Amino acid sequence: MLGAALEYLKAHFLETVSLDDVAAAAGTSKRTLVRLFRLKQGRTVLQHLHRLRLEYACSRLRMSHDKIIAVALASGFNSIQSFNRAFRIELGCTPGQWRKSTRHF
């Protein structure tokens, strides 16, 4: 069940994903999914989704000259504000700071 949820997130992280979608893919209720995800993964479904999106965003930031807003939107975030907030929480800096410190063309 949890494996199916993780696979669904991995396959659809660039799209708009709801908890209902993930629970349906896992064949369980939202409540059970949330509880199991927190227990087994140590994070929420949304935190895991953000991590997948941020991994993708970091790759794009490192390997392209794309504007940060373009990277944010291409990575599945709905706004630059939510991207910046998730980035700071997960990586401890802004996307611009991260890009400057890791750029390798």
C-alpha atoms as a PDB file:
ATOM      1  CA  MET A   1       0.000   0.000   0.000  1.00  0.00           C
ATOM      2  CA  LEU A   2       2.690   2.530   0.959  1.00  0.00           C
ATOM      3  CA  GLY A   3       4.790   1.384  -1.985  1.00  0.00           C
ATOM      4  CA  ALA A   4       1.937   2.154  -4.351  1.00  0.00           C
ATOM      5  CA  ALA A   5       1.588   5.640  -2.858  1.00  0.00           C
ATOM      6  CA  LEU A   6       5.320   6.302  -3.248  1.00  0.00           C
ATOM      7  CA  GLU A   7       5.277   5.080  -6.847  1.00  0.00           C
ATOM      8  CA  TYR A   8       2.261   7.248  -7.623  1.00  0.00           C
ATOM      9  CA  LEU A   9       4.002  10.311  -6.184  1.00  0.00           C
ATOM     10  CA  LYS A  10       7.180   9.535  -8.102  1.00  0.00           C
ATOM     11  CA  ALA A  11       5.261   9.192 -11.362  1.00  0.00           C
ATOM     12  CA  HIS A  12       3.027  12.264 -10.893  1.00  0.00           C
ATOM     13  CA  PHE A  13       5.019  14.786  -8.830  1.00  0.00           C
ATOM     14  CA  LEU A  14       5.113  17.339 -11.663  1.00  0.00           C
ATOM     15  CA  GLU A  15       1.311  17.359 -11.814  1.00  0.00           C
ATOM     16  CA  THR A  16      -1.300  18.686  -9.420  1.00  0.00           C
ATOM     17  CA  VAL A  17      -1.592  15.884  -6.853  1.00  0.00           C
ATOM     18  CA  SER A  18      -4.236  15.622  -4.146  1.00  0.00           C
ATOM     19  CA  LEU A  19      -4.302  13.421  -1.083  1.00  0.00           C
ATOM     20  CA  ASP A  20      -7.400  11.797  -2.568  1.00  0.00           C
ATOM     21  CA  ASP A  21      -5.393  10.854  -5.674  1.00  0.00           C
ATOM     22  CA  VAL A  22      -2.584   9.304  -3.648  1.00  0.00           C
ATOM     23  CA  ALA A  23      -4.968   7.426  -1.344  1.00  0.00           C
ATOM     24  CA  ALA A  24      -6.885   6.049  -4.342  1.00  0.00           C
ATOM     25  CA  ALA A  25      -3.651   4.915  -5.984  1.00  0.00           C
ATOM     26  CA  ALA A  26      -2.649   3.203  -2.739  1.00  0.00           C
ATOM     27  CA  GLY A  27      -6.076   1.609  -2.323  1.00  0.00           C
ATOM     28  CA  THR A  28      -6.654   3.055   1.128  1.00  0.00           C
ATOM     29  CA  SER A  29      -8.350   5.895   2.936  1.00  0.00           C
ATOM     30  CA  LYS A  30      -6.767   9.313   3.312  1.00  0.00           C
ATOM     31  CA  ARG A  31      -6.651   8.865   7.078  1.00  0.00           C
ATOM     32  CA  THR A  32      -4.819   5.536   6.864  1.00  0.00           C
ATOM     33  CA  LEU A  33      -2.445   6.885   4.232  1.00  0.00           C
ATOM     34  CA  VAL A  34      -1.537   9.915   6.347  1.00  0.00           C
ATOM     35  CA  ARG A  35      -0.964   7.781   9.442  1.00  0.00           C
ATOM     36  CA  LEU A  36       1.150   5.162   7.647  1.00  0.00           C
ATOM     37  CA  PHE A  37       3.121   7.728   5.713  1.00  0.00           C
ATOM     38  CA  ARG A  38       4.065   9.573   8.883  1.00  0.00           C
ATOM     39  CA  LEU A  39       4.894   6.331  10.689  1.00  0.00           C
ATOM     40  CA  LYS A  40       6.969   4.707   7.933  1.00  0.00           C
ATOM     41  CA  GLN A  41       8.441   7.733   6.129  1.00  0.00           C
ATOM     42  CA  GLY A  42       8.782  10.124   9.054  1.00  0.00           C
ATOM     43  CA  ARG A  43       7.200  12.912   7.039  1.00  0.00           C
ATOM     44  CA  THR A  44       3.868  13.891   5.570  1.00  0.00           C
ATOM     45  CA  VAL A  45       2.699  13.131   2.056  1.00  0.00           C
ATOM     46  CA  LEU A  46       3.064  16.827   1.197  1.00  0.00           C
ATOM     47  CA  GLN A  47       6.613  16.944   2.557  1.00  0.00           C
ATOM     48  CA  HIS A  48       7.515  13.929   0.434  1.00  0.00           C
ATOM     49  CA  LEU A  49       5.913  15.514  -2.627  1.00  0.00           C
ATOM     50  CA  HIS A  50       7.860  18.720  -2.000  1.00  0.00           C
ATOM     51  CA  ARG A  51      11.095  16.758  -1.681  1.00  0.00           C
ATOM     52  CA  LEU A  52      10.534  15.084  -5.066  1.00  0.00           C
ATOM     53  CA  ARG A  53       9.760  18.429  -6.659  1.00  0.00           C
ATOM     54  CA  LEU A  54      12.770  20.090  -5.046  1.00  0.00           C
ATOM     55  CA  GLU A  55      15.126  17.334  -6.239  1.00  0.00           C
ATOM     56  CA  TYR A  56      13.881  17.961  -9.764  1.00  0.00           C
ATOM     57  CA  ALA A  57      14.130  21.745  -9.307  1.00  0.00           C
ATOM     58  CA  CYS A  58      17.704  21.504  -8.017  1.00  0.00           C
ATOM     59  CA  SER A  59      18.690  19.531 -11.086  1.00  0.00           C
ATOM     60  CA  ARG A  60      17.174  22.202 -13.334  1.00  0.00           C
ATOM     61  CA  LEU A  61      18.740  25.036 -11.338  1.00  0.00           C
ATOM     62  CA  ARG A  62      22.142  23.395 -11.567  1.00  0.00           C
ATOM     63  CA  MET A  63      22.031  22.508 -15.246  1.00  0.00           C
ATOM     64  CA  SER A  64      20.186  25.407 -16.864  1.00  0.00           C
ATOM     65  CA  HIS A  65      19.995  29.166 -17.083  1.00  0.00           C
ATOM     66  CA  ASP A  66      16.210  29.083 -16.650  1.00  0.00           C
ATOM     67  CA  LYS A  67      14.697  31.766 -14.459  1.00  0.00           C
ATOM     68  CA  ILE A  68      13.851  30.600 -10.959  1.00  0.00           C
ATOM     69  CA  ILE A  69      10.133  31.173 -11.484  1.00  0.00           C
ATOM     70  CA  ALA A  70      10.226  28.984 -14.614  1.00  0.00           C
ATOM     71  CA  VAL A  71      11.979  26.241 -12.653  1.00  0.00           C
ATOM     72  CA  ALA A  72       9.432  26.548  -9.836  1.00  0.00           C
ATOM     73  CA  LEU A  73       6.451  26.204 -12.158  1.00  0.00           C
ATOM     74  CA  ALA A  74       8.060  23.407 -14.181  1.00  0.00           C
ATOM     75  CA  SER A  75       8.738  21.543 -10.926  1.00  0.00           C
ATOM     76  CA  GLY A  76       5.071  21.363  -9.982  1.00  0.00           C
ATOM     77  CA  PHE A  77       4.820  24.316  -7.609  1.00  0.00           C
ATOM     78  CA  ASN A  78       1.826  26.614  -8.100  1.00  0.00           C
ATOM     79  CA  SER A  79       3.651  29.810  -7.132  1.00  0.00           C
ATOM     80  CA  ILE A  80       7.092  31.213  -6.547  1.00  0.00           C
ATOM     81  CA  GLN A  81       6.127  31.839  -2.912  1.00  0.00           C
ATOM     82  CA  SER A  82       5.349  28.189  -2.209  1.00  0.00           C
ATOM     83  CA  PHE A  83       8.532  27.155  -4.043  1.00  0.00           C
ATOM     84  CA  ASN A  84      10.695  29.560  -2.050  1.00  0.00           C
ATOM     85  CA  ARG A  85       9.100  28.507   1.246  1.00  0.00           C
ATOM     86  CA  ALA A  86       9.552  24.777   0.542  1.00  0.00           C
ATOM     87  CA  PHE A  87      13.102  25.401  -0.666  1.00  0.00           C
ATOM     88  CA  ARG A  88      14.073  27.294   2.503  1.00  0.00           C
ATOM     89  CA  ILE A  89      12.486  24.690   4.760  1.00  0.00           C
ATOM     90  CA  GLU A  90      14.145  21.744   3.020  1.00  0.00           C
ATOM     91  CA  LEU A  91      17.509  23.235   2.012  1.00  0.00           C
ATOM     92  CA  GLY A  92      17.993  26.183   4.365  1.00  0.00           C
ATOM     93  CA  CYS A  93      18.571  28.826   1.688  1.00  0.00           C
ATOM     94  CA  THR A  94      16.851  30.498  -1.235  1.00  0.00           C
ATOM     95  CA  PRO A  95      16.904  28.945  -4.711  1.00  0.00           C
ATOM     96  CA  GLY A  96      19.117  31.799  -5.941  1.00  0.00           C
ATOM     97  CA  GLN A  97      21.654  31.269  -3.151  1.00  0.00           C
ATOM     98  CA  TRP A  98      21.660  27.530  -3.781  1.00  0.00           C
ATOM     99  CA  ARG A  99      22.161  28.018  -7.517  1.00  0.00           C
ATOM    100  CA  LYS A 100      25.132  30.346  -6.997  1.00  0.00           C
ATOM    101  CA  SER A 101      26.818  27.910  -4.623  1.00  0.00           C
ATOM    102  CA  THR A 102      26.346  24.776  -6.770  1.00  0.00           C
ATOM    103  CA  ARG A 103      26.344  25.819 -10.399  1.00  0.00           C
ATOM    104  CA  HIS A 104      28.460  23.558 -12.595  1.00  0.00           C
ATOM    105  CA  PHE A 105      28.188  24.112 -16.344  1.00  0.00           C
END
